[in-house]
Amino acid sequence: TVDSFHVFKSSEPEMMDLGKRKLTEKKSNSKIKELNRQIE
C-alpha cells in the first residue's frame, strides 16, 4: 500500500497541472470568442 500511495502522491501535481491547463484553455478560448465578437 505504501508504494501505491507514493505513486498517487507523485501523480497528484500532474493532475493539478492538467486542471490548471484546462482552466487557462477555457479562459483563452472565451477571450478569443469575445475578440471575434468585437471584430464582427
Protein backbone atom coordinates (compact mmCIF):
# COMPACT_ATOMS: atom_id res chain seq x y z
CA THR A 1 0.00 0.00 0.00
CA VAL A 2 2.92 2.33 0.66
CA ASP A 3 4.12 2.04 -2.94
CA SER A 4 0.70 2.77 -4.42
CA PHE A 5 0.28 5.72 -2.03
CA HIS A 6 3.65 7.13 -3.13
CA VAL A 7 2.66 6.79 -6.78
CA PHE A 8 -0.63 8.56 -6.10
CA LYS A 9 1.14 11.40 -4.29
CA SER A 10 3.69 11.85 -7.08
CA SER A 11 0.94 11.92 -9.75
CA GLU A 12 -1.16 14.46 -7.84
CA PRO A 13 0.79 17.57 -9.02
CA GLU A 14 0.45 16.37 -12.60
CA MET A 15 -3.32 16.20 -12.18
CA MET A 16 -3.29 19.71 -10.72
CA ASP A 17 -1.26 20.98 -13.69
CA LEU A 18 -3.72 19.33 -16.06
CA GLY A 19 -6.65 21.03 -14.32
CA LYS A 20 -4.92 24.41 -14.42
CA ARG A 21 -4.09 23.93 -18.09
CA LYS A 22 -7.75 23.14 -18.81
CA LEU A 23 -8.82 26.28 -16.94
CA THR A 24 -6.38 28.51 -18.83
CA GLU A 25 -7.53 26.95 -22.11
CA LYS A 26 -11.14 27.76 -21.24
CA LYS A 27 -10.20 31.35 -20.33
CA SER A 28 -8.20 31.89 -23.52
CA ASN A 29 -10.99 30.35 -25.62
CA SER A 30 -13.56 32.72 -24.08
CA LYS A 31 -11.23 35.67 -24.70
CA ILE A 32 -10.84 34.65 -28.34
CA LYS A 33 -14.63 34.39 -28.68
CA GLU A 34 -15.02 37.88 -27.20
CA LEU A 35 -12.44 39.28 -29.64
CA ASN A 36 -14.20 37.61 -32.57
CA ARG A 37 -17.50 39.10 -31.40
CA GLN A 38 -15.91 42.57 -31.25
CA ILE A 39 -14.49 42.16 -34.78
CA GLU A 40 -17.92 41.21 -36.10
